[in-house]
C-alpha cells in the first residue's frame, strides 16, 4: 500500500507528501532527514492520510492536494477526524 499524507509542522505549517510507510516517514521527518522544509519548520506529526494501491495514484492525489488552499487542506483534515 501507498499513502498520501499531510504533516502538521511544529510551527503550524502543513507539508504534503507520499510514502509506503507512514510511521517510518514521520520518524524520518522528525530526525531531520525527511525533507528540508519539515526540518526547517521543526518536524511535526502526520495528521491526515489516504491509502492507495498504486504509487501513480498516490502521486496524483498529492499533486491535487498541493494545489489546494490552506483552508481547504485544514477542512480535509477535519473531515477525516
C-alpha atoms as a PDB file:
ATOM      1  CA  UNK A   1       0.000   0.000   0.000  1.00  0.00           C
ATOM      2  CA  UNK A   2       0.986   3.610  -0.598  1.00  0.00           C
ATOM      3  CA  UNK A   3      -0.038   6.688   1.335  1.00  0.00           C
ATOM      4  CA  UNK A   4      -0.566  10.338   0.640  1.00  0.00           C
ATOM      5  CA  UNK A   5      -0.213  12.319   3.879  1.00  0.00           C
ATOM      6  CA  UNK A   6      -0.374  15.775   5.383  1.00  0.00           C
ATOM      7  CA  UNK A   7       2.064  16.537   8.169  1.00  0.00           C
ATOM      8  CA  UNK A   8       1.474  19.467  10.502  1.00  0.00           C
ATOM      9  CA  UNK A   9       4.795  21.043  11.384  1.00  0.00           C
ATOM     10  CA  UNK A  10       5.544  22.288  14.880  1.00  0.00           C
ATOM     11  CA  UNK A  11       5.176  25.879  13.664  1.00  0.00           C
ATOM     12  CA  UNK A  12       1.680  25.125  12.302  1.00  0.00           C
ATOM     13  CA  UNK A  13       2.537  24.945   8.604  1.00  0.00           C
ATOM     14  CA  UNK A  14       1.374  21.986   6.507  1.00  0.00           C
ATOM     15  CA  UNK A  15       3.512  19.658   4.389  1.00  0.00           C
ATOM     16  CA  UNK A  16       2.117  17.152   1.888  1.00  0.00           C
ATOM     17  CA  UNK A  17       3.945  14.021   0.818  1.00  0.00           C
ATOM     18  CA  UNK A  18       3.740  10.387  -0.218  1.00  0.00           C
ATOM     19  CA  UNK A  19       5.247   7.227   1.238  1.00  0.00           C
ATOM     20  CA  UNK A  20       4.820   3.480   1.597  1.00  0.00           C
ATOM     21  CA  UNK A  21       5.385   3.561   5.390  1.00  0.00           C
ATOM     22  CA  UNK A  22       3.706   6.337   7.400  1.00  0.00           C
ATOM     23  CA  UNK A  23       5.380   5.598  10.734  1.00  0.00           C
ATOM     24  CA  UNK A  24       8.875   5.442   9.256  1.00  0.00           C
ATOM     25  CA  UNK A  25       8.281   8.601   7.223  1.00  0.00           C
ATOM     26  CA  UNK A  26       7.123  10.568  10.262  1.00  0.00           C
ATOM     27  CA  UNK A  27      10.180   9.386  12.195  1.00  0.00           C
ATOM     28  CA  UNK A  28      12.440  10.369   9.307  1.00  0.00           C
ATOM     29  CA  UNK A  29      10.890  13.840   9.165  1.00  0.00           C
ATOM     30  CA  UNK A  30      11.418  14.289  12.901  1.00  0.00           C
ATOM     31  CA  UNK A  31      15.016  13.086  12.751  1.00  0.00           C
ATOM     32  CA  UNK A  32      15.846  15.908  10.338  1.00  0.00           C
ATOM     33  CA  UNK A  33      16.331  13.582   7.365  1.00  0.00           C
ATOM     34  CA  UNK A  34      12.844  13.672   5.811  1.00  0.00           C
ATOM     35  CA  UNK A  35      12.745  16.931   3.871  1.00  0.00           C
ATOM     36  CA  UNK A  36      14.401  20.306   4.072  1.00  0.00           C
ATOM     37  CA  UNK A  37      11.013  22.011   4.509  1.00  0.00           C
ATOM     38  CA  UNK A  38       9.944  19.941   7.526  1.00  0.00           C
ATOM     39  CA  UNK A  39      13.400  20.176   9.088  1.00  0.00           C
ATOM     40  CA  UNK A  40      13.328  23.964   8.752  1.00  0.00           C
ATOM     41  CA  UNK A  41       9.882  24.064  10.390  1.00  0.00           C
ATOM     42  CA  UNK A  42      10.776  21.913  13.388  1.00  0.00           C
ATOM     43  CA  UNK A  43       9.435  18.477  12.487  1.00  0.00           C
ATOM     44  CA  UNK A  44       5.828  17.533  13.077  1.00  0.00           C
ATOM     45  CA  UNK A  45       3.064  14.942  13.125  1.00  0.00           C
ATOM     46  CA  UNK A  46       1.116  13.255  10.335  1.00  0.00           C
ATOM     47  CA  UNK A  47      -2.442  14.476  10.856  1.00  0.00           C
ATOM     48  CA  UNK A  48      -4.090  13.093   7.711  1.00  0.00           C
ATOM     49  CA  UNK A  49      -3.545  10.264   5.260  1.00  0.00           C
ATOM     50  CA  UNK A  50      -5.196   8.398   2.404  1.00  0.00           C
ATOM     51  CA  UNK A  51      -4.350   4.893   1.236  1.00  0.00           C
ATOM     52  CA  UNK A  52      -3.795   3.892  -2.427  1.00  0.00           C
ATOM     53  CA  UNK A  53      -2.941   0.674  -4.256  1.00  0.00           C
ATOM     54  CA  UNK A  54      -0.594   2.258  -6.779  1.00  0.00           C
ATOM     55  CA  UNK A  55       2.226   4.771  -6.487  1.00  0.00           C
ATOM     56  CA  UNK A  56       0.925   6.655  -9.521  1.00  0.00           C
ATOM     57  CA  UNK A  57      -2.495   7.296  -7.948  1.00  0.00           C
ATOM     58  CA  UNK A  58      -0.780   8.375  -4.738  1.00  0.00           C
ATOM     59  CA  UNK A  59       1.344  10.945  -6.561  1.00  0.00           C
ATOM     60  CA  UNK A  60      -1.678  12.248  -8.484  1.00  0.00           C
ATOM     61  CA  UNK A  61      -3.546  12.793  -5.224  1.00  0.00           C
ATOM     62  CA  UNK A  62      -0.516  14.552  -3.717  1.00  0.00           C
ATOM     63  CA  UNK A  63      -0.322  16.899  -6.714  1.00  0.00           C
ATOM     64  CA  UNK A  64      -4.051  17.666  -6.460  1.00  0.00           C
ATOM     65  CA  UNK A  65      -3.959  18.438  -2.737  1.00  0.00           C
ATOM     66  CA  UNK A  66      -0.804  20.548  -3.007  1.00  0.00           C
ATOM     67  CA  UNK A  67      -2.798  22.926  -5.235  1.00  0.00           C
ATOM     68  CA  UNK A  68      -5.477  23.420  -2.556  1.00  0.00           C
ATOM     69  CA  UNK A  69      -5.519  26.438  -0.274  1.00  0.00           C
ATOM     70  CA  UNK A  70      -4.524  26.041   3.367  1.00  0.00           C
ATOM     71  CA  UNK A  71      -8.186  26.425   4.393  1.00  0.00           C
ATOM     72  CA  UNK A  72      -9.238  23.553   2.116  1.00  0.00           C
ATOM     73  CA  UNK A  73      -6.413  21.371   3.415  1.00  0.00           C
ATOM     74  CA  UNK A  74      -7.478  22.085   7.005  1.00  0.00           C
ATOM     75  CA  UNK A  75     -11.091  21.221   6.192  1.00  0.00           C
ATOM     76  CA  UNK A  76      -9.897  17.953   4.608  1.00  0.00           C
ATOM     77  CA  UNK A  77      -8.078  17.132   7.863  1.00  0.00           C
ATOM     78  CA  UNK A  78     -11.168  17.967   9.976  1.00  0.00           C
ATOM     79  CA  UNK A  79     -13.495  15.811   7.840  1.00  0.00           C
ATOM     80  CA  UNK A  80     -11.236  12.779   8.331  1.00  0.00           C
ATOM     81  CA  UNK A  81     -11.254  13.016  12.147  1.00  0.00           C
END
